[in-house]
Amino acid sequence: MAILLPQQFFDLAPNVGKSYYENLAGGINAAVTVQNFSALNPVSLVLTRVNAPVVTYVIPPLNSLTIASNKLLVAALLSGAGAVTGTIEVATSDF
């Protein structure tokens, strides 16, 4: 069964990181969608998975990215040298 979690808006100051999803009970299959509304600055999506390296994706200004992941533990966003705004949405499934 799939569960679409509520869309979350982010407004991160420069050089700030924040976790937007955590499943510390063994991970879950999930898809994460990030939309970067900032006109000048990229935002980084950081995914932590069970028994896998931490992966970072950089989303350029005025772009979006959807990533599917097995056994997702944490989905977090990091701003760089400038402030960023946008949305993040997580859909989980137990298949």
PDB file of N, CA and C in Angstrom:
ATOM      1  N   MET A   1       0.839  -1.171   0.000  1.00  0.00           N
ATOM      2  CA  MET A   1       0.000   0.000   0.000  1.00  0.00           C
ATOM      3  C   MET A   1       0.890   1.244   0.000  1.00  0.00           C
ATOM      4  N   ALA A   2       0.547   2.208  -0.816  1.00  0.00           N
ATOM      5  CA  ALA A   2       1.326   3.452  -0.909  1.00  0.00           C
ATOM      6  C   ALA A   2       0.691   4.530  -0.042  1.00  0.00           C
ATOM      7  N   ILE A   3       1.529   5.353   0.530  1.00  0.00           N
ATOM      8  CA  ILE A   3       1.067   6.476   1.345  1.00  0.00           C
ATOM      9  C   ILE A   3       1.757   7.734   0.839  1.00  0.00           C
ATOM     10  N   LEU A   4       0.972   8.723   0.448  1.00  0.00           N
ATOM     11  CA  LEU A   4       1.507  10.013   0.019  1.00  0.00           C
ATOM     12  C   LEU A   4       1.457  10.953   1.213  1.00  0.00           C
ATOM     13  N   LEU A   5       2.622  11.314   1.722  1.00  0.00           N
ATOM     14  CA  LEU A   5       2.689  12.212   2.868  1.00  0.00           C
ATOM     15  C   LEU A   5       2.423  13.642   2.420  1.00  0.00           C
ATOM     16  N   PRO A   6       1.961  14.509   3.327  1.00  0.00           N
ATOM     17  CA  PRO A   6       1.667  15.891   2.943  1.00  0.00           C
ATOM     18  C   PRO A   6       2.885  16.614   2.377  1.00  0.00           C
ATOM     19  N   GLN A   7       2.621  17.448   1.390  1.00  0.00           N
ATOM     20  CA  GLN A   7       3.676  18.267   0.806  1.00  0.00           C
ATOM     21  C   GLN A   7       4.161  19.260   1.854  1.00  0.00           C
ATOM     22  N   GLN A   8       5.481  19.437   1.959  1.00  0.00           N
ATOM     23  CA  GLN A   8       6.064  20.357   2.924  1.00  0.00           C
ATOM     24  C   GLN A   8       6.797  21.466   2.182  1.00  0.00           C
ATOM     25  N   PHE A   9       6.585  22.691   2.623  1.00  0.00           N
ATOM     26  CA  PHE A   9       7.287  23.837   2.052  1.00  0.00           C
ATOM     27  C   PHE A   9       8.543  24.079   2.867  1.00  0.00           C
ATOM     28  N   PHE A  10       9.635  24.435   2.189  1.00  0.00           N
ATOM     29  CA  PHE A  10      10.862  24.760   2.902  1.00  0.00           C
ATOM     30  C   PHE A  10      11.333  26.157   2.518  1.00  0.00           C
ATOM     31  N   ASP A  11      11.954  26.809   3.468  1.00  0.00           N
ATOM     32  CA  ASP A  11      12.559  28.129   3.303  1.00  0.00           C
ATOM     33  C   ASP A  11      13.818  28.114   4.169  1.00  0.00           C
ATOM     34  N   LEU A  12      14.936  27.717   3.570  1.00  0.00           N
ATOM     35  CA  LEU A  12      16.174  27.528   4.318  1.00  0.00           C
ATOM     36  C   LEU A  12      17.120  28.706   4.131  1.00  0.00           C
ATOM     37  N   ALA A  13      17.639  29.192   5.241  1.00  0.00           N
ATOM     38  CA  ALA A  13      18.649  30.247   5.213  1.00  0.00           C
ATOM     39  C   ALA A  13      19.950  29.660   4.653  1.00  0.00           C
ATOM     40  N   PRO A  14      20.919  30.487   4.327  1.00  0.00           N
ATOM     41  CA  PRO A  14      22.199  29.975   3.814  1.00  0.00           C
ATOM     42  C   PRO A  14      22.870  29.012   4.793  1.00  0.00           C
ATOM     43  N   ASN A  15      23.466  27.957   4.255  1.00  0.00           N
ATOM     44  CA  ASN A  15      24.230  26.965   5.015  1.00  0.00           C
ATOM     45  C   ASN A  15      23.442  26.308   6.143  1.00  0.00           C
ATOM     46  N   VAL A  16      22.207  25.899   5.827  1.00  0.00           N
ATOM     47  CA  VAL A  16      21.328  25.243   6.799  1.00  0.00           C
ATOM     48  C   VAL A  16      20.907  23.882   6.245  1.00  0.00           C
ATOM     49  N   GLY A  17      20.818  22.892   7.115  1.00  0.00           N
ATOM     50  CA  GLY A  17      20.311  21.579   6.748  1.00  0.00           C
ATOM     51  C   GLY A  17      19.123  21.226   7.612  1.00  0.00           C
ATOM     52  N   LYS A  18      18.148  20.493   7.038  1.00  0.00           N
ATOM     53  CA  LYS A  18      16.972  20.105   7.798  1.00  0.00           C
ATOM     54  C   LYS A  18      16.437  18.783   7.266  1.00  0.00           C
ATOM     55  N   SER A  19      16.072  17.891   8.194  1.00  0.00           N
ATOM     56  CA  SER A  19      15.488  16.611   7.835  1.00  0.00           C
ATOM     57  C   SER A  19      13.987  16.783   7.625  1.00  0.00           C
ATOM     58  N   TYR A  20      13.462  16.193   6.542  1.00  0.00           N
ATOM     59  CA  TYR A  20      12.031  16.297   6.245  1.00  0.00           C
ATOM     60  C   TYR A  20      11.319  14.958   6.305  1.00  0.00           C
ATOM     61  N   TYR A  21      12.065  13.862   6.399  1.00  0.00           N
ATOM     62  CA  TYR A  21      11.461  12.541   6.547  1.00  0.00           C
ATOM     63  C   TYR A  21      12.454  11.651   7.276  1.00  0.00           C
ATOM     64  N   GLU A  22      11.947  10.878   8.249  1.00  0.00           N
ATOM     65  CA  GLU A  22      12.786   9.929   8.979  1.00  0.00           C
ATOM     66  C   GLU A  22      11.994   8.657   9.238  1.00  0.00           C
ATOM     67  N   ASN A  23      12.615   7.519   8.967  1.00  0.00           N
ATOM     68  CA  ASN A  23      12.065   6.215   9.303  1.00  0.00           C
ATOM     69  C   ASN A  23      13.225   5.427   9.882  1.00  0.00           C
ATOM     70  N   LEU A  24      13.348   5.459  11.185  1.00  0.00           N
ATOM     71  CA  LEU A  24      14.499   4.831  11.833  1.00  0.00           C
ATOM     72  C   LEU A  24      14.201   3.403  12.275  1.00  0.00           C
ATOM     73  N   ALA A  25      13.093   2.834  11.788  1.00  0.00           N
ATOM     74  CA  ALA A  25      12.699   1.474  12.146  1.00  0.00           C
ATOM     75  C   ALA A  25      13.043   0.490  11.029  1.00  0.00           C
ATOM     76  N   GLY A  26      14.115   0.717  10.311  1.00  0.00           N
ATOM     77  CA  GLY A  26      14.544  -0.233   9.304  1.00  0.00           C
ATOM     78  C   GLY A  26      14.403   0.226   7.874  1.00  0.00           C
ATOM     79  N   GLY A  27      13.879   1.416   7.647  1.00  0.00           N
ATOM     80  CA  GLY A  27      13.766   1.956   6.297  1.00  0.00           C
ATOM     81  C   GLY A  27      12.512   1.498   5.585  1.00  0.00           C
ATOM     82  N   ILE A  28      12.174   2.190   4.502  1.00  0.00           N
ATOM     83  CA  ILE A  28      10.976   1.886   3.717  1.00  0.00           C
ATOM     84  C   ILE A  28      11.225   2.316   2.278  1.00  0.00           C
ATOM     85  N   ASN A  29      10.568   1.662   1.340  1.00  0.00           N
ATOM     86  CA  ASN A  29      10.652   2.072  -0.063  1.00  0.00           C
ATOM     87  C   ASN A  29       9.911   3.399  -0.205  1.00  0.00           C
ATOM     88  N   ALA A  30      10.518   4.346  -0.907  1.00  0.00           N
ATOM     89  CA  ALA A  30       9.919   5.675  -1.005  1.00  0.00           C
ATOM     90  C   ALA A  30      10.353   6.389  -2.271  1.00  0.00           C
ATOM     91  N   ALA A  31       9.544   7.366  -2.648  1.00  0.00           N
ATOM     92  CA  ALA A  31       9.900   8.294  -3.723  1.00  0.00           C
ATOM     93  C   ALA A  31       9.881   9.696  -3.120  1.00  0.00           C
ATOM     94  N   VAL A  32      10.906  10.459  -3.402  1.00  0.00           N
ATOM     95  CA  VAL A  32      11.035  11.818  -2.868  1.00  0.00           C
ATOM     96  C   VAL A  32      11.062  12.793  -4.040  1.00  0.00           C
ATOM     97  N   THR A  33      10.193  13.809  -3.972  1.00  0.00           N
ATOM     98  CA  THR A  33      10.148  14.852  -5.001  1.00  0.00           C
ATOM     99  C   THR A  33      10.495  16.182  -4.366  1.00  0.00           C
ATOM    100  N   VAL A  34      11.474  16.879  -4.946  1.00  0.00           N
ATOM    101  CA  VAL A  34      11.885  18.200  -4.467  1.00  0.00           C
ATOM    102  C   VAL A  34      11.731  19.193  -5.615  1.00  0.00           C
ATOM    103  N   GLN A  35      11.083  20.316  -5.324  1.00  0.00           N
ATOM    104  CA  GLN A  35      10.975  21.419  -6.284  1.00  0.00           C
ATOM    105  C   GLN A  35      11.709  22.608  -5.695  1.00  0.00           C
ATOM    106  N   ASN A  36      12.671  23.131  -6.442  1.00  0.00           N
ATOM    107  CA  ASN A  36      13.458  24.279  -6.002  1.00  0.00           C
ATOM    108  C   ASN A  36      12.905  25.529  -6.691  1.00  0.00           C
ATOM    109  N   PHE A  37      12.269  26.394  -5.916  1.00  0.00           N
ATOM    110  CA  PHE A  37      11.688  27.624  -6.462  1.00  0.00           C
ATOM    111  C   PHE A  37      12.681  28.778  -6.502  1.00  0.00           C
ATOM    112  N   SER A  38      13.849  28.616  -5.914  1.00  0.00           N
ATOM    113  CA  SER A  38      14.832  29.693  -5.862  1.00  0.00           C
ATOM    114  C   SER A  38      15.350  30.012  -7.263  1.00  0.00           C
ATOM    115  N   ALA A  39      15.483  31.303  -7.535  1.00  0.00           N
ATOM    116  CA  ALA A  39      15.938  31.730  -8.862  1.00  0.00           C
ATOM    117  C   ALA A  39      17.461  31.702  -8.999  1.00  0.00           C
ATOM    118  N   LEU A  40      18.185  31.715  -7.875  1.00  0.00           N
ATOM    119  CA  LEU A  40      19.643  31.828  -7.953  1.00  0.00           C
ATOM    120  C   LEU A  40      20.424  30.673  -7.339  1.00  0.00           C
ATOM    121  N   ASN A  41      19.844  29.965  -6.361  1.00  0.00           N
ATOM    122  CA  ASN A  41      20.640  29.023  -5.575  1.00  0.00           C
ATOM    123  C   ASN A  41      20.145  27.580  -5.687  1.00  0.00           C
ATOM    124  N   PRO A  42      21.071  26.625  -5.768  1.00  0.00           N
ATOM    125  CA  PRO A  42      20.686  25.214  -5.772  1.00  0.00           C
ATOM    126  C   PRO A  42      20.391  24.725  -4.352  1.00  0.00           C
ATOM    127  N   VAL A  43      19.685  23.603  -4.255  1.00  0.00           N
ATOM    128  CA  VAL A  43      19.442  22.941  -2.973  1.00  0.00           C
ATOM    129  C   VAL A  43      19.897  21.497  -3.128  1.00  0.00           C
ATOM    130  N   SER A  44      20.409  20.917  -2.046  1.00  0.00           N
ATOM    131  CA  SER A  44      20.895  19.534  -2.081  1.00  0.00           C
ATOM    132  C   SER A  44      19.940  18.619  -1.339  1.00  0.00           C
ATOM    133  N   LEU A  45      19.557  17.524  -1.981  1.00  0.00           N
ATOM    134  CA  LEU A  45      18.752  16.475  -1.361  1.00  0.00           C
ATOM    135  C   LEU A  45      19.708  15.387  -0.900  1.00  0.00           C
ATOM    136  N   VAL A  46      19.670  15.067   0.387  1.00  0.00           N
ATOM    137  CA  VAL A  46      20.558  14.063   0.967  1.00  0.00           C
ATOM    138  C   VAL A  46      19.713  12.878   1.417  1.00  0.00           C
ATOM    139  N   LEU A  47      19.999  11.689   0.861  1.00  0.00           N
ATOM    140  CA  LEU A  47      19.260  10.476   1.192  1.00  0.00           C
ATOM    141  C   LEU A  47      20.165   9.499   1.934  1.00  0.00           C
ATOM    142  N   THR A  48      19.680   9.018   3.071  1.00  0.00           N
ATOM    143  CA  THR A  48      20.379   8.004   3.851  1.00  0.00           C
ATOM    144  C   THR A  48      19.549   6.731   3.782  1.00  0.00           C
ATOM    145  N   ARG A  49      20.192   5.624   3.365  1.00  0.00           N
ATOM    146  CA  ARG A  49      19.492   4.356   3.201  1.00  0.00           C
ATOM    147  C   ARG A  49      20.158   3.277   4.048  1.00  0.00           C
ATOM    148  N   VAL A  50      19.431   2.167   4.249  1.00  0.00           N
ATOM    149  CA  VAL A  50      19.947   1.035   5.016  1.00  0.00           C
ATOM    150  C   VAL A  50      21.106   0.393   4.256  1.00  0.00           C
ATOM    151  N   ASN A  51      22.227   0.194   4.924  1.00  0.00           N
ATOM    152  CA  ASN A  51      23.404  -0.492   4.363  1.00  0.00           C
ATOM    153  C   ASN A  51      23.823   0.040   3.000  1.00  0.00           C
ATOM    154  N   ALA A  52      23.779   1.345   2.841  1.00  0.00           N
ATOM    155  CA  ALA A  52      24.169   1.969   1.576  1.00  0.00           C
ATOM    156  C   ALA A  52      24.832   3.310   1.884  1.00  0.00           C
ATOM    157  N   PRO A  53      25.662   3.787   0.980  1.00  0.00           N
ATOM    158  CA  PRO A  53      26.284   5.090   1.200  1.00  0.00           C
ATOM    159  C   PRO A  53      25.247   6.211   1.161  1.00  0.00           C
ATOM    160  N   VAL A  54      25.540   7.281   1.853  1.00  0.00           N
ATOM    161  CA  VAL A  54      24.699   8.478   1.786  1.00  0.00           C
ATOM    162  C   VAL A  54      24.864   9.090   0.399  1.00  0.00           C
ATOM    163  N   VAL A  55      23.743   9.469  -0.219  1.00  0.00           N
ATOM    164  CA  VAL A  55      23.763  10.001  -1.573  1.00  0.00           C
ATOM    165  C   VAL A  55      23.231  11.432  -1.549  1.00  0.00           C
ATOM    166  N   THR A  56      23.904  12.319  -2.270  1.00  0.00           N
ATOM    167  CA  THR A  56      23.483  13.716  -2.350  1.00  0.00           C
ATOM    168  C   THR A  56      23.205  14.081  -3.805  1.00  0.00           C
ATOM    169  N   TYR A  57      22.037  14.694  -4.036  1.00  0.00           N
ATOM    170  CA  TYR A  57      21.660  15.185  -5.360  1.00  0.00           C
ATOM    171  C   TYR A  57      21.517  16.690  -5.289  1.00  0.00           C
ATOM    172  N   VAL A  58      22.115  17.409  -6.221  1.00  0.00           N
ATOM    173  CA  VAL A  58      22.005  18.864  -6.267  1.00  0.00           C
ATOM    174  C   VAL A  58      20.913  19.230  -7.273  1.00  0.00           C
ATOM    175  N   ILE A  59      19.914  19.991  -6.798  1.00  0.00           N
ATOM    176  CA  ILE A  59      18.818  20.434  -7.654  1.00  0.00           C
ATOM    177  C   ILE A  59      19.064  21.895  -8.005  1.00  0.00           C
ATOM    178  N   PRO A  60      19.309  22.185  -9.284  1.00  0.00           N
ATOM    179  CA  PRO A  60      19.606  23.553  -9.701  1.00  0.00           C
ATOM    180  C   PRO A  60      18.415  24.494  -9.466  1.00  0.00           C
ATOM    181  N   PRO A  61      18.652  25.805  -9.526  1.00  0.00           N
ATOM    182  CA  PRO A  61      17.561  26.771  -9.370  1.00  0.00           C
ATOM    183  C   PRO A  61      16.451  26.525 -10.394  1.00  0.00           C
ATOM    184  N   LEU A  62      15.214  26.713  -9.952  1.00  0.00           N
ATOM    185  CA  LEU A  62      14.025  26.600 -10.799  1.00  0.00           C
ATOM    186  C   LEU A  62      13.905  25.240 -11.477  1.00  0.00           C
ATOM    187  N   ASN A  63      14.275  24.167 -10.762  1.00  0.00           N
ATOM    188  CA  ASN A  63      14.173  22.800 -11.266  1.00  0.00           C
ATOM    189  C   ASN A  63      13.584  21.903 -10.200  1.00  0.00           C
ATOM    190  N   SER A  64      13.260  20.664 -10.607  1.00  0.00           N
ATOM    191  CA  SER A  64      12.750  19.676  -9.662  1.00  0.00           C
ATOM    192  C   SER A  64      13.410  18.330  -9.918  1.00  0.00           C
ATOM    193  N   LEU A  65      13.273  17.416  -8.954  1.00  0.00           N
ATOM    194  CA  LEU A  65      13.866  16.095  -9.056  1.00  0.00           C
ATOM    195  C   LEU A  65      13.003  15.118  -8.276  1.00  0.00           C
ATOM    196  N   THR A  66      12.751  13.940  -8.861  1.00  0.00           N
ATOM    197  CA  THR A  66      12.071  12.851  -8.165  1.00  0.00           C
ATOM    198  C   THR A  66      13.000  11.651  -8.159  1.00  0.00           C
ATOM    199  N   ILE A  67      13.207  11.077  -6.976  1.00  0.00           N
ATOM    200  CA  ILE A  67      14.094   9.937  -6.805  1.00  0.00           C
ATOM    201  C   ILE A  67      13.339   8.840  -6.054  1.00  0.00           C
ATOM    202  N   ALA A  68      13.400   7.616  -6.564  1.00  0.00           N
ATOM    203  CA  ALA A  68      12.858   6.458  -5.858  1.00  0.00           C
ATOM    204  C   ALA A  68      13.996   5.760  -5.137  1.00  0.00           C
ATOM    205  N   SER A  69      13.738   5.311  -3.921  1.00  0.00           N
ATOM    206  CA  SER A  69      14.793   4.717  -3.110  1.00  0.00           C
ATOM    207  C   SER A  69      14.253   3.525  -2.329  1.00  0.00           C
ATOM    208  N   ASN A  70      15.061   2.479  -2.228  1.00  0.00           N
ATOM    209  CA  ASN A  70      14.731   1.335  -1.374  1.00  0.00           C
ATOM    210  C   ASN A  70      15.266   1.581   0.023  1.00  0.00           C
ATOM    211  N   LYS A  71      14.526   1.158   1.018  1.00  0.00           N
ATOM    212  CA  LYS A  71      14.948   1.204   2.422  1.00  0.00           C
ATOM    213  C   LYS A  71      15.453   2.579   2.843  1.00  0.00           C
ATOM    214  N   LEU A  72      14.667   3.599   2.565  1.00  0.00           N
ATOM    215  CA  LEU A  72      15.029   4.972   2.924  1.00  0.00           C
ATOM    216  C   LEU A  72      14.900   5.181   4.425  1.00  0.00           C
ATOM    217  N   LEU A  73      15.937   5.730   5.019  1.00  0.00           N
ATOM    218  CA  LEU A  73      15.924   6.083   6.442  1.00  0.00           C
ATOM    219  C   LEU A  73      15.645   7.565   6.649  1.00  0.00           C
ATOM    220  N   VAL A  74      16.390   8.435   5.945  1.00  0.00           N
ATOM    221  CA  VAL A  74      16.278   9.879   6.147  1.00  0.00           C
ATOM    222  C   VAL A  74      16.357  10.591   4.804  1.00  0.00           C
ATOM    223  N   ALA A  75      15.472  11.592   4.633  1.00  0.00           N
ATOM    224  CA  ALA A  75      15.545  12.511   3.492  1.00  0.00           C
ATOM    225  C   ALA A  75      15.707  13.908   4.070  1.00  0.00           C
ATOM    226  N   ALA A  76      16.794  14.588   3.707  1.00  0.00           N
ATOM    227  CA  ALA A  76      17.095  15.910   4.248  1.00  0.00           C
ATOM    228  C   ALA A  76      17.470  16.857   3.112  1.00  0.00           C
ATOM    229  N   LEU A  77      17.355  18.148   3.394  1.00  0.00           N
ATOM    230  CA  LEU A  77      17.743  19.179   2.435  1.00  0.00           C
ATOM    231  C   LEU A  77      18.837  20.041   3.034  1.00  0.00           C
ATOM    232  N   LEU A  78      19.772  20.467   2.182  1.00  0.00           N
ATOM    233  CA  LEU A  78      20.851  21.371   2.582  1.00  0.00           C
ATOM    234  C   LEU A  78      20.880  22.560   1.639  1.00  0.00           C
ATOM    235  N   SER A  79      20.967  23.742   2.226  1.00  0.00           N
ATOM    236  CA  SER A  79      21.156  24.933   1.391  1.00  0.00           C
ATOM    237  C   SER A  79      22.655  25.174   1.264  1.00  0.00           C
ATOM    238  N   GLY A  80      23.036  25.936   0.282  1.00  0.00           N
ATOM    239  CA  GLY A  80      24.444  26.267   0.096  1.00  0.00           C
ATOM    240  C   GLY A  80      24.725  27.680   0.571  1.00  0.00           C
ATOM    241  N   ALA A  81      25.411  28.435  -0.246  1.00  0.00           N
ATOM    242  CA  ALA A  81      25.813  29.794   0.118  1.00  0.00           C
ATOM    243  C   ALA A  81      24.653  30.777   0.128  1.00  0.00           C
ATOM    244  N   GLY A  82      23.511  30.410  -0.469  1.00  0.00           N
ATOM    245  CA  GLY A  82      22.361  31.308  -0.502  1.00  0.00           C
ATOM    246  C   GLY A  82      21.108  30.628   0.007  1.00  0.00           C
ATOM    247  N   ALA A  83      20.102  31.420   0.321  1.00  0.00           N
ATOM    248  CA  ALA A  83      18.829  30.906   0.808  1.00  0.00           C
ATOM    249  C   ALA A  83      18.079  30.201  -0.322  1.00  0.00           C
ATOM    250  N   VAL A  84      17.280  29.194   0.039  1.00  0.00           N
ATOM    251  CA  VAL A  84      16.490  28.447  -0.937  1.00  0.00           C
ATOM    252  C   VAL A  84      15.066  28.254  -0.429  1.00  0.00           C
ATOM    253  N   THR A  85      14.129  28.169  -1.369  1.00  0.00           N
ATOM    254  CA  THR A  85      12.735  27.889  -1.041  1.00  0.00           C
ATOM    255  C   THR A  85      12.206  26.854  -2.020  1.00  0.00           C
ATOM    256  N   GLY A  86      11.148  26.160  -1.626  1.00  0.00           N
ATOM    257  CA  GLY A  86      10.540  25.180  -2.504  1.00  0.00           C
ATOM    258  C   GLY A  86       9.666  24.223  -1.733  1.00  0.00           C
ATOM    259  N   THR A  87       9.443  23.030  -2.312  1.00  0.00           N
ATOM    260  CA  THR A  87       8.624  22.009  -1.671  1.00  0.00           C
ATOM    261  C   THR A  87       9.336  20.665  -1.715  1.00  0.00           C
ATOM    262  N   ILE A  88       8.973  19.808  -0.764  1.00  0.00           N
ATOM    263  CA  ILE A  88       9.438  18.424  -0.741  1.00  0.00           C
ATOM    264  C   ILE A  88       8.238  17.554  -0.422  1.00  0.00           C
ATOM    265  N   GLU A  89       8.139  16.425  -1.127  1.00  0.00           N
ATOM    266  CA  GLU A  89       7.030  15.508  -0.917  1.00  0.00           C
ATOM    267  C   GLU A  89       7.565  14.085  -0.940  1.00  0.00           C
ATOM    268  N   VAL A  90       7.078  13.262  -0.016  1.00  0.00           N
ATOM    269  CA  VAL A  90       7.542  11.881   0.106  1.00  0.00           C
ATOM    270  C   VAL A  90       6.346  10.941  -0.045  1.00  0.00           C
ATOM    271  N   ALA A  91       6.495   9.946  -0.904  1.00  0.00           N
ATOM    272  CA  ALA A  91       5.500   8.882  -1.046  1.00  0.00           C
ATOM    273  C   ALA A  91       6.168   7.575  -0.647  1.00  0.00           C
ATOM    274  N   THR A  92       5.558   6.823   0.278  1.00  0.00           N
ATOM    275  CA  THR A  92       6.140   5.570   0.743  1.00  0.00           C
ATOM    276  C   THR A  92       5.296   4.393   0.271  1.00  0.00           C
ATOM    277  N   SER A  93       5.925   3.227   0.210  1.00  0.00           N
ATOM    278  CA  SER A  93       5.190   2.015  -0.146  1.00  0.00           C
ATOM    279  C   SER A  93       5.819   0.840   0.589  1.00  0.00           C
ATOM    280  N   ASP A  94       5.037  -0.189   0.796  1.00  0.00           N
ATOM    281  CA  ASP A  94       5.541  -1.358   1.519  1.00  0.00           C
ATOM    282  C   ASP A  94       5.615  -2.592   0.635  1.00  0.00           C
ATOM    283  N   PHE A  95       5.770  -2.389  -0.686  1.00  0.00           N
ATOM    284  CA  PHE A  95       5.865  -3.555  -1.579  1.00  0.00           C
ATOM    285  C   PHE A  95       7.261  -4.114  -1.607  1.00  0.00           C
TER     286      PHE A  95
END
